[in-house]
Amino acid sequence: MSVGGIVLVAVVLVRMPADYFSSSYHREFWVDAHPFVRGIGLIGKNILGLAIVIIGIVLSLPGVPGPGLLIALLGLTLVDFPGKRPFERWLISRPRVFDAVNRMRTRRGKAPFHLEDS
């Protein structure tokens, strides 16, 4: 379970666009969809994200194997809440996190993340 969780987080981080954490990155979800479909999609995305966060919290409890905090953070990327973008930028801008994630991306042939607008 631990290896699977780490692989899932790695796949998601590698598949994100390099400018995901840039302030100019457009994050609207299903903008061109019918408002009803967009609303259902937003509700579904937030419910899925909340479920992943809960699973991550359970996995982070003592005695339960798995990368709980990583899974919880993955779930937070799906959930919409006030202050989400500044929190994500703060988290990824930690030097050790930023360097580790960018090393992983370059090993997979992807451009490193950049935080500044270019």
PDB file of N, CA and C in Angstrom:
ATOM      1  N   MET A   1       0.829  -1.187   0.000  1.00  0.00           N
ATOM      2  CA  MET A   1       0.000   0.000   0.000  1.00  0.00           C
ATOM      3  C   MET A   1       0.879   1.258   0.000  1.00  0.00           C
ATOM      4  N   SER A   2       1.959   1.222   0.759  1.00  0.00           N
ATOM      5  CA  SER A   2       2.852   2.378   0.819  1.00  0.00           C
ATOM      6  C   SER A   2       3.463   2.676  -0.532  1.00  0.00           C
ATOM      7  N   VAL A   3       3.953   1.641  -1.187  1.00  0.00           N
ATOM      8  CA  VAL A   3       4.580   1.825  -2.498  1.00  0.00           C
ATOM      9  C   VAL A   3       3.544   2.327  -3.504  1.00  0.00           C
ATOM     10  N   GLY A   4       2.360   1.765  -3.472  1.00  0.00           N
ATOM     11  CA  GLY A   4       1.300   2.203  -4.386  1.00  0.00           C
ATOM     12  C   GLY A   4       0.938   3.661  -4.187  1.00  0.00           C
ATOM     13  N   GLY A   5       0.869   4.109  -2.956  1.00  0.00           N
ATOM     14  CA  GLY A   5       0.558   5.510  -2.674  1.00  0.00           C
ATOM     15  C   GLY A   5       1.645   6.444  -3.156  1.00  0.00           C
ATOM     16  N   ILE A   6       2.893   6.049  -2.948  1.00  0.00           N
ATOM     17  CA  ILE A   6       4.010   6.875  -3.397  1.00  0.00           C
ATOM     18  C   ILE A   6       4.044   6.937  -4.922  1.00  0.00           C
ATOM     19  N   VAL A   7       3.792   5.809  -5.579  1.00  0.00           N
ATOM     20  CA  VAL A   7       3.761   5.786  -7.044  1.00  0.00           C
ATOM     21  C   VAL A   7       2.635   6.677  -7.555  1.00  0.00           C
ATOM     22  N   LEU A   8       1.471   6.619  -6.934  1.00  0.00           N
ATOM     23  CA  LEU A   8       0.345   7.456  -7.355  1.00  0.00           C
ATOM     24  C   LEU A   8       0.682   8.940  -7.234  1.00  0.00           C
ATOM     25  N   VAL A   9       1.268   9.341  -6.130  1.00  0.00           N
ATOM     26  CA  VAL A   9       1.650  10.743  -5.932  1.00  0.00           C
ATOM     27  C   VAL A   9       2.691  11.147  -6.971  1.00  0.00           C
ATOM     28  N   ALA A  10       3.659  10.278  -7.234  1.00  0.00           N
ATOM     29  CA  ALA A  10       4.697  10.576  -8.227  1.00  0.00           C
ATOM     30  C   ALA A  10       4.090  10.741  -9.614  1.00  0.00           C
ATOM     31  N   VAL A  11       3.173   9.877  -9.985  1.00  0.00           N
ATOM     32  CA  VAL A  11       2.536   9.970 -11.304  1.00  0.00           C
ATOM     33  C   VAL A  11       1.776  11.285 -11.437  1.00  0.00           C
ATOM     34  N   VAL A  12       1.052  11.674 -10.409  1.00  0.00           N
ATOM     35  CA  VAL A  12       0.292  12.924 -10.458  1.00  0.00           C
ATOM     36  C   VAL A  12       1.237  14.117 -10.580  1.00  0.00           C
ATOM     37  N   LEU A  13       2.311  14.133  -9.795  1.00  0.00           N
ATOM     38  CA  LEU A  13       3.256  15.253  -9.841  1.00  0.00           C
ATOM     39  C   LEU A  13       3.965  15.343 -11.191  1.00  0.00           C
ATOM     40  N   VAL A  14       4.253  14.210 -11.793  1.00  0.00           N
ATOM     41  CA  VAL A  14       4.922  14.215 -13.092  1.00  0.00           C
ATOM     42  C   VAL A  14       3.961  14.661 -14.197  1.00  0.00           C
ATOM     43  N   ARG A  15       2.706  14.326 -14.087  1.00  0.00           N
ATOM     44  CA  ARG A  15       1.731  14.675 -15.137  1.00  0.00           C
ATOM     45  C   ARG A  15       1.242  16.120 -15.068  1.00  0.00           C
ATOM     46  N   MET A  16       1.466  16.800 -13.948  1.00  0.00           N
ATOM     47  CA  MET A  16       1.053  18.204 -13.836  1.00  0.00           C
ATOM     48  C   MET A  16       1.867  19.059 -14.798  1.00  0.00           C
ATOM     49  N   PRO A  17       1.250  20.109 -15.345  1.00  0.00           N
ATOM     50  CA  PRO A  17       2.023  21.013 -16.203  1.00  0.00           C
ATOM     51  C   PRO A  17       3.082  21.763 -15.395  1.00  0.00           C
ATOM     52  N   ALA A  18       4.176  22.132 -16.058  1.00  0.00           N
ATOM     53  CA  ALA A  18       5.297  22.784 -15.375  1.00  0.00           C
ATOM     54  C   ALA A  18       4.894  24.112 -14.748  1.00  0.00           C
ATOM     55  N   ASP A  19       3.880  24.768 -15.293  1.00  0.00           N
ATOM     56  CA  ASP A  19       3.463  26.069 -14.760  1.00  0.00           C
ATOM     57  C   ASP A  19       2.268  25.963 -13.811  1.00  0.00           C
ATOM     58  N   TYR A  20       1.986  24.769 -13.305  1.00  0.00           N
ATOM     59  CA  TYR A  20       0.823  24.557 -12.433  1.00  0.00           C
ATOM     60  C   TYR A  20       0.838  25.470 -11.216  1.00  0.00           C
ATOM     61  N   PHE A  21       2.001  25.726 -10.645  1.00  0.00           N
ATOM     62  CA  PHE A  21       2.089  26.541  -9.436  1.00  0.00           C
ATOM     63  C   PHE A  21       2.330  28.014  -9.749  1.00  0.00           C
ATOM     64  N   SER A  22       2.360  28.371 -11.012  1.00  0.00           N
ATOM     65  CA  SER A  22       2.514  29.760 -11.424  1.00  0.00           C
ATOM     66  C   SER A  22       1.180  30.482 -11.229  1.00  0.00           C
ATOM     67  N   SER A  23       1.241  31.749 -10.882  1.00  0.00           N
ATOM     68  CA  SER A  23      -0.010  32.487 -10.648  1.00  0.00           C
ATOM     69  C   SER A  23      -0.787  32.716 -11.938  1.00  0.00           C
ATOM     70  N   SER A  24      -0.153  32.549 -13.095  1.00  0.00           N
ATOM     71  CA  SER A  24      -0.859  32.755 -14.357  1.00  0.00           C
ATOM     72  C   SER A  24      -1.547  31.485 -14.858  1.00  0.00           C
ATOM     73  N   TYR A  25      -1.351  30.361 -14.182  1.00  0.00           N
ATOM     74  CA  TYR A  25      -1.959  29.110 -14.630  1.00  0.00           C
ATOM     75  C   TYR A  25      -3.465  29.167 -14.417  1.00  0.00           C
ATOM     76  N   HIS A  26      -4.221  28.884 -15.472  1.00  0.00           N
ATOM     77  CA  HIS A  26      -5.682  28.932 -15.431  1.00  0.00           C
ATOM     78  C   HIS A  26      -6.212  27.598 -14.908  1.00  0.00           C
ATOM     79  N   ARG A  27      -6.926  27.609 -13.796  1.00  0.00           N
ATOM     80  CA  ARG A  27      -7.373  26.373 -13.152  1.00  0.00           C
ATOM     81  C   ARG A  27      -8.872  26.130 -13.197  1.00  0.00           C
ATOM     82  N   GLU A  28      -9.562  26.793 -14.017  1.00  0.00           N
ATOM     83  CA  GLU A  28     -11.014  26.581 -14.052  1.00  0.00           C
ATOM     84  C   GLU A  28     -11.332  25.161 -14.495  1.00  0.00           C
ATOM     85  N   PHE A  29     -12.326  24.564 -13.868  1.00  0.00           N
ATOM     86  CA  PHE A  29     -12.719  23.179 -14.110  1.00  0.00           C
ATOM     87  C   PHE A  29     -13.914  23.141 -15.043  1.00  0.00           C
ATOM     88  N   TRP A  30     -13.788  22.505 -16.177  1.00  0.00           N
ATOM     89  CA  TRP A  30     -14.858  22.322 -17.156  1.00  0.00           C
ATOM     90  C   TRP A  30     -15.567  23.629 -17.487  1.00  0.00           C
ATOM     91  N   VAL A  31     -14.807  24.626 -17.867  1.00  0.00           N
ATOM     92  CA  VAL A  31     -15.355  25.952 -18.150  1.00  0.00           C
ATOM     93  C   VAL A  31     -16.352  25.918 -19.301  1.00  0.00           C
ATOM     94  N   ASP A  32     -16.077  25.097 -20.309  1.00  0.00           N
ATOM     95  CA  ASP A  32     -16.927  25.069 -21.503  1.00  0.00           C
ATOM     96  C   ASP A  32     -18.138  24.151 -21.373  1.00  0.00           C
ATOM     97  N   ALA A  33     -18.260  23.454 -20.266  1.00  0.00           N
ATOM     98  CA  ALA A  33     -19.379  22.526 -20.084  1.00  0.00           C
ATOM     99  C   ALA A  33     -20.655  23.286 -19.711  1.00  0.00           C
ATOM    100  N   HIS A  34     -21.766  22.638 -19.910  1.00  0.00           N
ATOM    101  CA  HIS A  34     -23.060  23.183 -19.501  1.00  0.00           C
ATOM    102  C   HIS A  34     -23.004  23.440 -17.990  1.00  0.00           C
ATOM    103  N   PRO A  35     -23.619  24.519 -17.504  1.00  0.00           N
ATOM    104  CA  PRO A  35     -23.543  24.835 -16.071  1.00  0.00           C
ATOM    105  C   PRO A  35     -23.975  23.694 -15.153  1.00  0.00           C
ATOM    106  N   PHE A  36     -24.986  22.928 -15.546  1.00  0.00           N
ATOM    107  CA  PHE A  36     -25.434  21.813 -14.718  1.00  0.00           C
ATOM    108  C   PHE A  36     -24.355  20.734 -14.647  1.00  0.00           C
ATOM    109  N   VAL A  37     -23.778  20.404 -15.803  1.00  0.00           N
ATOM    110  CA  VAL A  37     -22.724  19.386 -15.860  1.00  0.00           C
ATOM    111  C   VAL A  37     -21.495  19.862 -15.084  1.00  0.00           C
ATOM    112  N   ARG A  38     -21.159  21.132 -15.239  1.00  0.00           N
ATOM    113  CA  ARG A  38     -20.020  21.703 -14.505  1.00  0.00           C
ATOM    114  C   ARG A  38     -20.260  21.624 -12.994  1.00  0.00           C
ATOM    115  N   GLY A  39     -21.467  21.963 -12.552  1.00  0.00           N
ATOM    116  CA  GLY A  39     -21.792  21.899 -11.124  1.00  0.00           C
ATOM    117  C   GLY A  39     -21.685  20.489 -10.577  1.00  0.00           C
ATOM    118  N   ILE A  40     -22.233  19.517 -11.310  1.00  0.00           N
ATOM    119  CA  ILE A  40     -22.140  18.118 -10.884  1.00  0.00           C
ATOM    120  C   ILE A  40     -20.676  17.683 -10.853  1.00  0.00           C
ATOM    121  N   GLY A  41     -19.900  18.096 -11.857  1.00  0.00           N
ATOM    122  CA  GLY A  41     -18.481  17.754 -11.902  1.00  0.00           C
ATOM    123  C   GLY A  41     -17.720  18.349 -10.730  1.00  0.00           C
ATOM    124  N   LEU A  42     -18.007  19.606 -10.390  1.00  0.00           N
ATOM    125  CA  LEU A  42     -17.343  20.253  -9.256  1.00  0.00           C
ATOM    126  C   LEU A  42     -17.683  19.563  -7.939  1.00  0.00           C
ATOM    127  N   ILE A  43     -18.954  19.216  -7.779  1.00  0.00           N
ATOM    128  CA  ILE A  43     -19.365  18.507  -6.557  1.00  0.00           C
ATOM    129  C   ILE A  43     -18.668  17.155  -6.481  1.00  0.00           C
ATOM    130  N   GLY A  44     -18.649  16.419  -7.598  1.00  0.00           N
ATOM    131  CA  GLY A  44     -17.995  15.113  -7.624  1.00  0.00           C
ATOM    132  C   GLY A  44     -16.504  15.205  -7.344  1.00  0.00           C
ATOM    133  N   LYS A  45     -15.842  16.216  -7.938  1.00  0.00           N
ATOM    134  CA  LYS A  45     -14.405  16.412  -7.727  1.00  0.00           C
ATOM    135  C   LYS A  45     -14.117  16.710  -6.259  1.00  0.00           C
ATOM    136  N   ASN A  46     -14.928  17.550  -5.639  1.00  0.00           N
ATOM    137  CA  ASN A  46     -14.718  17.893  -4.233  1.00  0.00           C
ATOM    138  C   ASN A  46     -15.014  16.718  -3.304  1.00  0.00           C
ATOM    139  N   ILE A  47     -16.024  15.927  -3.611  1.00  0.00           N
ATOM    140  CA  ILE A  47     -16.328  14.743  -2.798  1.00  0.00           C
ATOM    141  C   ILE A  47     -15.193  13.730  -2.914  1.00  0.00           C
ATOM    142  N   LEU A  48     -14.695  13.508  -4.139  1.00  0.00           N
ATOM    143  CA  LEU A  48     -13.579  12.597  -4.334  1.00  0.00           C
ATOM    144  C   LEU A  48     -12.346  13.098  -3.579  1.00  0.00           C
ATOM    145  N   GLY A  49     -12.050  14.390  -3.686  1.00  0.00           N
ATOM    146  CA  GLY A  49     -10.909  14.963  -2.980  1.00  0.00           C
ATOM    147  C   GLY A  49     -11.039  14.819  -1.475  1.00  0.00           C
ATOM    148  N   LEU A  50     -12.231  15.067  -0.948  1.00  0.00           N
ATOM    149  CA  LEU A  50     -12.462  14.927   0.491  1.00  0.00           C
ATOM    150  C   LEU A  50     -12.288  13.474   0.940  1.00  0.00           C
ATOM    151  N   ALA A  51     -12.775  12.532   0.124  1.00  0.00           N
ATOM    152  CA  ALA A  51     -12.605  11.116   0.455  1.00  0.00           C
ATOM    153  C   ALA A  51     -11.121  10.741   0.471  1.00  0.00           C
ATOM    154  N   ILE A  52     -10.357  11.267  -0.485  1.00  0.00           N
ATOM    155  CA  ILE A  52      -8.917  10.975  -0.528  1.00  0.00           C
ATOM    156  C   ILE A  52      -8.219  11.585   0.681  1.00  0.00           C
ATOM    157  N   VAL A  53      -8.623  12.795   1.081  1.00  0.00           N
ATOM    158  CA  VAL A  53      -8.039  13.427   2.272  1.00  0.00           C
ATOM    159  C   VAL A  53      -8.324  12.569   3.505  1.00  0.00           C
ATOM    160  N   ILE A  54      -9.542  12.084   3.638  1.00  0.00           N
ATOM    161  CA  ILE A  54      -9.902  11.247   4.791  1.00  0.00           C
ATOM    162  C   ILE A  54      -9.089   9.958   4.791  1.00  0.00           C
ATOM    163  N   ILE A  55      -8.939   9.339   3.619  1.00  0.00           N
ATOM    164  CA  ILE A  55      -8.116   8.125   3.524  1.00  0.00           C
ATOM    165  C   ILE A  55      -6.674   8.441   3.935  1.00  0.00           C
ATOM    166  N   GLY A  56      -6.163   9.576   3.483  1.00  0.00           N
ATOM    167  CA  GLY A  56      -4.810   9.980   3.847  1.00  0.00           C
ATOM    168  C   GLY A  56      -4.648  10.188   5.335  1.00  0.00           C
ATOM    169  N   ILE A  57      -5.652  10.778   5.963  1.00  0.00           N
ATOM    170  CA  ILE A  57      -5.596  10.986   7.414  1.00  0.00           C
ATOM    171  C   ILE A  57      -5.597   9.643   8.142  1.00  0.00           C
ATOM    172  N   VAL A  58      -6.441   8.718   7.684  1.00  0.00           N
ATOM    173  CA  VAL A  58      -6.475   7.391   8.299  1.00  0.00           C
ATOM    174  C   VAL A  58      -5.129   6.691   8.118  1.00  0.00           C
ATOM    175  N   LEU A  59      -4.540   6.810   6.922  1.00  0.00           N
ATOM    176  CA  LEU A  59      -3.244   6.165   6.663  1.00  0.00           C
ATOM    177  C   LEU A  59      -2.111   6.797   7.471  1.00  0.00           C
ATOM    178  N   SER A  60      -2.293   8.012   7.923  1.00  0.00           N
ATOM    179  CA  SER A  60      -1.231   8.664   8.696  1.00  0.00           C
ATOM    180  C   SER A  60      -1.312   8.337  10.185  1.00  0.00           C
ATOM    181  N   LEU A  61      -2.328   7.617  10.591  1.00  0.00           N
ATOM    182  CA  LEU A  61      -2.440   7.218  11.997  1.00  0.00           C
ATOM    183  C   LEU A  61      -1.368   6.188  12.335  1.00  0.00           C
ATOM    184  N   PRO A  62      -0.900   6.191  13.566  1.00  0.00           N
ATOM    185  CA  PRO A  62       0.111   5.196  13.967  1.00  0.00           C
ATOM    186  C   PRO A  62      -0.424   3.774  13.811  1.00  0.00           C
ATOM    187  N   GLY A  63       0.409   2.919  13.256  1.00  0.00           N
ATOM    188  CA  GLY A  63       0.032   1.523  13.092  1.00  0.00           C
ATOM    189  C   GLY A  63      -0.651   1.205  11.779  1.00  0.00           C
ATOM    190  N   VAL A  64      -1.008   2.226  11.005  1.00  0.00           N
ATOM    191  CA  VAL A  64      -1.648   1.999   9.710  1.00  0.00           C
ATOM    192  C   VAL A  64      -0.596   2.264   8.628  1.00  0.00           C
ATOM    193  N   PRO A  65      -0.285   1.239   7.816  1.00  0.00           N
ATOM    194  CA  PRO A  65       0.765   1.433   6.814  1.00  0.00           C
ATOM    195  C   PRO A  65       0.271   2.286   5.639  1.00  0.00           C
ATOM    196  N   GLY A  66       1.175   3.090   5.111  1.00  0.00           N
ATOM    197  CA  GLY A  66       0.852   3.879   3.936  1.00  0.00           C
ATOM    198  C   GLY A  66       1.341   5.306   4.059  1.00  0.00           C
ATOM    199  N   PRO A  67       1.498   5.968   2.928  1.00  0.00           N
ATOM    200  CA  PRO A  67       1.977   7.358   2.912  1.00  0.00           C
ATOM    201  C   PRO A  67       0.822   8.319   3.146  1.00  0.00           C
ATOM    202  N   GLY A  68       0.331   8.374   4.348  1.00  0.00           N
ATOM    203  CA  GLY A  68      -0.879   9.130   4.661  1.00  0.00           C
ATOM    204  C   GLY A  68      -0.820  10.594   4.312  1.00  0.00           C
ATOM    205  N   LEU A  69       0.254  11.276   4.697  1.00  0.00           N
ATOM    206  CA  LEU A  69       0.331  12.712   4.424  1.00  0.00           C
ATOM    207  C   LEU A  69       0.392  12.993   2.938  1.00  0.00           C
ATOM    208  N   LEU A  70       1.120  12.168   2.182  1.00  0.00           N
ATOM    209  CA  LEU A  70       1.185  12.370   0.735  1.00  0.00           C
ATOM    210  C   LEU A  70      -0.188  12.192   0.089  1.00  0.00           C
ATOM    211  N   ILE A  71      -0.914  11.175   0.521  1.00  0.00           N
ATOM    212  CA  ILE A  71      -2.250  10.928  -0.021  1.00  0.00           C
ATOM    213  C   ILE A  71      -3.188  12.071   0.368  1.00  0.00           C
ATOM    214  N   ALA A  72      -3.100  12.547   1.601  1.00  0.00           N
ATOM    215  CA  ALA A  72      -3.949  13.662   2.036  1.00  0.00           C
ATOM    216  C   ALA A  72      -3.657  14.917   1.208  1.00  0.00           C
ATOM    217  N   LEU A  73      -2.388  15.184   0.942  1.00  0.00           N
ATOM    218  CA  LEU A  73      -2.035  16.349   0.122  1.00  0.00           C
ATOM    219  C   LEU A  73      -2.519  16.192  -1.310  1.00  0.00           C
ATOM    220  N   LEU A  74      -2.483  14.972  -1.827  1.00  0.00           N
ATOM    221  CA  LEU A  74      -3.028  14.716  -3.157  1.00  0.00           C
ATOM    222  C   LEU A  74      -4.525  15.020  -3.181  1.00  0.00           C
ATOM    223  N   GLY A  75      -5.229  14.622  -2.143  1.00  0.00           N
ATOM    224  CA  GLY A  75      -6.663  14.918  -2.056  1.00  0.00           C
ATOM    225  C   GLY A  75      -6.929  16.411  -1.967  1.00  0.00           C
ATOM    226  N   LEU A  76      -6.055  17.137  -1.276  1.00  0.00           N
ATOM    227  CA  LEU A  76      -6.231  18.588  -1.163  1.00  0.00           C
ATOM    228  C   LEU A  76      -6.123  19.289  -2.512  1.00  0.00           C
ATOM    229  N   THR A  77      -5.378  18.704  -3.454  1.00  0.00           N
ATOM    230  CA  THR A  77      -5.285  19.325  -4.777  1.00  0.00           C
ATOM    231  C   THR A  77      -6.616  19.257  -5.517  1.00  0.00           C
ATOM    232  N   LEU A  78      -7.476  18.332  -5.135  1.00  0.00           N
ATOM    233  CA  LEU A  78      -8.785  18.220  -5.782  1.00  0.00           C
ATOM    234  C   LEU A  78      -9.854  19.094  -5.130  1.00  0.00           C
ATOM    235  N   VAL A  79      -9.736  19.321  -3.840  1.00  0.00           N
ATOM    236  CA  VAL A  79     -10.761  20.048  -3.090  1.00  0.00           C
ATOM    237  C   VAL A  79     -10.590  21.553  -3.296  1.00  0.00           C
ATOM    238  N   ASP A  80     -11.691  22.246  -3.501  1.00  0.00           N
ATOM    239  CA  ASP A  80     -11.671  23.703  -3.614  1.00  0.00           C
ATOM    240  C   ASP A  80     -11.957  24.304  -2.243  1.00  0.00           C
ATOM    241  N   PHE A  81     -11.062  25.172  -1.781  1.00  0.00           N
ATOM    242  CA  PHE A  81     -11.279  25.867  -0.519  1.00  0.00           C
ATOM    243  C   PHE A  81     -10.542  27.195  -0.575  1.00  0.00           C
ATOM    244  N   PRO A  82     -11.001  28.185   0.185  1.00  0.00           N
ATOM    245  CA  PRO A  82     -10.328  29.487   0.179  1.00  0.00           C
ATOM    246  C   PRO A  82      -8.881  29.356   0.646  1.00  0.00           C
ATOM    247  N   GLY A  83      -7.987  29.981  -0.086  1.00  0.00           N
ATOM    248  CA  GLY A  83      -6.578  29.947   0.274  1.00  0.00           C
ATOM    249  C   GLY A  83      -5.835  28.733  -0.245  1.00  0.00           C
ATOM    250  N   LYS A  84      -6.453  27.964  -1.125  1.00  0.00           N
ATOM    251  CA  LYS A  84      -5.824  26.747  -1.630  1.00  0.00           C
ATOM    252  C   LYS A  84      -4.563  27.055  -2.432  1.00  0.00           C
ATOM    253  N   ARG A  85      -4.636  28.005  -3.351  1.00  0.00           N
ATOM    254  CA  ARG A  85      -3.478  28.309  -4.195  1.00  0.00           C
ATOM    255  C   ARG A  85      -2.294  28.818  -3.381  1.00  0.00           C
ATOM    256  N   PRO A  86      -2.484  29.760  -2.453  1.00  0.00           N
ATOM    257  CA  PRO A  86      -1.329  30.169  -1.646  1.00  0.00           C
ATOM    258  C   PRO A  86      -0.752  29.021  -0.819  1.00  0.00           C
ATOM    259  N   PHE A  87      -1.615  28.145  -0.314  1.00  0.00           N
ATOM    260  CA  PHE A  87      -1.130  26.989   0.447  1.00  0.00           C
ATOM    261  C   PHE A  87      -0.294  26.067  -0.438  1.00  0.00           C
ATOM    262  N   GLU A  88      -0.785  25.769  -1.659  1.00  0.00           N
ATOM    263  CA  GLU A  88      -0.039  24.917  -2.576  1.00  0.00           C
ATOM    264  C   GLU A  88       1.313  25.540  -2.931  1.00  0.00           C
ATOM    265  N   ARG A  89       1.298  26.842  -3.217  1.00  0.00           N
ATOM    266  CA  ARG A  89       2.556  27.520  -3.555  1.00  0.00           C
ATOM    267  C   ARG A  89       3.508  27.526  -2.356  1.00  0.00           C
ATOM    268  N   TRP A  90       3.000  27.729  -1.159  1.00  0.00           N
ATOM    269  CA  TRP A  90       3.841  27.713   0.034  1.00  0.00           C
ATOM    270  C   TRP A  90       4.471  26.334   0.198  1.00  0.00           C
ATOM    271  N   LEU A  91       3.666  25.284   0.032  1.00  0.00           N
ATOM    272  CA  LEU A  91       4.156  23.922   0.221  1.00  0.00           C
ATOM    273  C   LEU A  91       5.221  23.562  -0.813  1.00  0.00           C
ATOM    274  N   ILE A  92       4.958  23.837  -2.074  1.00  0.00           N
ATOM    275  CA  ILE A  92       5.913  23.454  -3.118  1.00  0.00           C
ATOM    276  C   ILE A  92       7.150  24.351  -3.089  1.00  0.00           C
ATOM    277  N   SER A  93       7.049  25.532  -2.527  1.00  0.00           N
ATOM    278  CA  SER A  93       8.195  26.445  -2.512  1.00  0.00           C
ATOM    279  C   SER A  93       9.199  26.117  -1.413  1.00  0.00           C
ATOM    280  N   ARG A  94       8.886  25.166  -0.534  1.00  0.00           N
ATOM    281  CA  ARG A  94       9.879  24.733   0.451  1.00  0.00           C
ATOM    282  C   ARG A  94      11.048  24.154  -0.334  1.00  0.00           C
ATOM    283  N   PRO A  95      12.270  24.603  -0.086  1.00  0.00           N
ATOM    284  CA  PRO A  95      13.414  24.187  -0.908  1.00  0.00           C
ATOM    285  C   PRO A  95      13.589  22.672  -1.050  1.00  0.00           C
ATOM    286  N   ARG A  96      13.450  21.930   0.021  1.00  0.00           N
ATOM    287  CA  ARG A  96      13.631  20.477  -0.072  1.00  0.00           C
ATOM    288  C   ARG A  96      12.528  19.820  -0.894  1.00  0.00           C
ATOM    289  N   VAL A  97      11.302  20.280  -0.724  1.00  0.00           N
ATOM    290  CA  VAL A  97      10.182  19.730  -1.488  1.00  0.00           C
ATOM    291  C   VAL A  97      10.348  20.077  -2.963  1.00  0.00           C
ATOM    292  N   PHE A  98      10.635  21.352  -3.242  1.00  0.00           N
ATOM    293  CA  PHE A  98      10.775  21.821  -4.622  1.00  0.00           C
ATOM    294  C   PHE A  98      11.890  21.067  -5.345  1.00  0.00           C
ATOM    295  N   ASP A  99      13.038  20.919  -4.693  1.00  0.00           N
ATOM    296  CA  ASP A  99      14.163  20.218  -5.311  1.00  0.00           C
ATOM    297  C   ASP A  99      13.844  18.743  -5.545  1.00  0.00           C
ATOM    298  N   ALA A 100      13.230  18.090  -4.577  1.00  0.00           N
ATOM    299  CA  ALA A 100      12.916  16.668  -4.715  1.00  0.00           C
ATOM    300  C   ALA A 100      11.912  16.428  -5.838  1.00  0.00           C
ATOM    301  N   VAL A 101      10.866  17.250  -5.897  1.00  0.00           N
ATOM    302  CA  VAL A 101       9.849  17.083  -6.928  1.00  0.00           C
ATOM    303  C   VAL A 101      10.443  17.360  -8.309  1.00  0.00           C
ATOM    304  N   ASN A 102      11.255  18.398  -8.425  1.00  0.00           N
ATOM    305  CA  ASN A 102      11.842  18.719  -9.725  1.00  0.00           C
ATOM    306  C   ASN A 102      12.857  17.664 -10.167  1.00  0.00           C
ATOM    307  N   ARG A 103      13.605  17.074  -9.241  1.00  0.00           N
ATOM    308  CA  ARG A 103      14.506  15.971  -9.605  1.00  0.00           C
ATOM    309  C   ARG A 103      13.703  14.796 -10.150  1.00  0.00           C
ATOM    310  N   MET A 104      12.584  14.493  -9.496  1.00  0.00           N
ATOM    311  CA  MET A 104      11.738  13.396  -9.943  1.00  0.00           C
ATOM    312  C   MET A 104      11.181  13.688 -11.339  1.00  0.00           C
ATOM    313  N   ARG A 105      10.755  14.923 -11.576  1.00  0.00           N
ATOM    314  CA  ARG A 105      10.203  15.291 -12.887  1.00  0.00           C
ATOM    315  C   ARG A 105      11.264  15.205 -13.976  1.00  0.00           C
ATOM    316  N   THR A 106      12.469  15.675 -13.719  1.00  0.00           N
ATOM    317  CA  THR A 106      13.504  15.647 -14.747  1.00  0.00           C
ATOM    318  C   THR A 106      13.941  14.210 -15.038  1.00  0.00           C
ATOM    319  N   ARG A 107      13.933  13.332 -14.034  1.00  0.00           N
ATOM    320  CA  ARG A 107      14.249  11.914 -14.286  1.00  0.00           C
ATOM    321  C   ARG A 107      13.219  11.276 -15.201  1.00  0.00           C
ATOM    322  N   ARG A 108      12.000  11.783 -15.187  1.00  0.00           N
ATOM    323  CA  ARG A 108      10.927  11.240 -16.037  1.00  0.00           C
ATOM    324  C   ARG A 108      10.809  12.002 -17.359  1.00  0.00           C
ATOM    325  N   GLY A 109      11.742  12.919 -17.625  1.00  0.00           N
ATOM    326  CA  GLY A 109      11.744  13.646 -18.893  1.00  0.00           C
ATOM    327  C   GLY A 109      10.777  14.815 -18.949  1.00  0.00           C
ATOM    328  N   LYS A 110      10.324  15.297 -17.820  1.00  0.00           N
ATOM    329  CA  LYS A 110       9.403  16.440 -17.773  1.00  0.00           C
ATOM    330  C   LYS A 110      10.142  17.692 -17.339  1.00  0.00           C
ATOM    331  N   ALA A 111       9.651  18.828 -17.771  1.00  0.00           N
ATOM    332  CA  ALA A 111      10.247  20.103 -17.366  1.00  0.00           C
ATOM    333  C   ALA A 111      10.003  20.316 -15.878  1.00  0.00           C
ATOM    334  N   PRO A 112      10.963  20.925 -15.178  1.00  0.00           N
ATOM    335  CA  PRO A 112      10.756  21.181 -13.743  1.00  0.00           C
ATOM    336  C   PRO A 112       9.662  22.217 -13.531  1.00  0.00           C
ATOM    337  N   PHE A 113       9.054  22.176 -12.367  1.00  0.00           N
ATOM    338  CA  PHE A 113       8.067  23.199 -12.002  1.00  0.00           C
ATOM    339  C   PHE A 113       8.752  24.538 -11.921  1.00  0.00           C
ATOM    340  N   HIS A 114       8.023  25.589 -12.242  1.00  0.00           N
ATOM    341  CA  HIS A 114       8.520  26.940 -11.992  1.00  0.00           C
ATOM    342  C   HIS A 114       7.430  27.709 -11.287  1.00  0.00           C
ATOM    343  N   LEU A 115       7.852  28.516 -10.340  1.00  0.00           N
ATOM    344  CA  LEU A 115       6.904  29.253  -9.508  1.00  0.00           C
ATOM    345  C   LEU A 115       6.643  30.648 -10.038  1.00  0.00           C
ATOM    346  N   GLU A 116       7.607  31.207 -10.728  1.00  0.00           N
ATOM    347  CA  GLU A 116       7.455  32.576 -11.233  1.00  0.00           C
ATOM    348  C   GLU A 116       6.824  32.552 -12.611  1.00  0.00           C
ATOM    349  N   ASP A 117       6.091  33.593 -12.949  1.00  0.00           N
ATOM    350  CA  ASP A 117       5.502  33.722 -14.266  1.00  0.00           C
ATOM    351  C   ASP A 117       6.600  34.012 -15.262  1.00  0.00           C
ATOM    352  N   SER A 118       6.510  33.360 -16.432  1.00  0.00           N
ATOM    353  CA  SER A 118       7.521  33.623 -17.460  1.00  0.00           C
ATOM    354  C   SER A 118       6.883  34.092 -18.737  1.00  0.00           C
TER     355      SER A 118
END
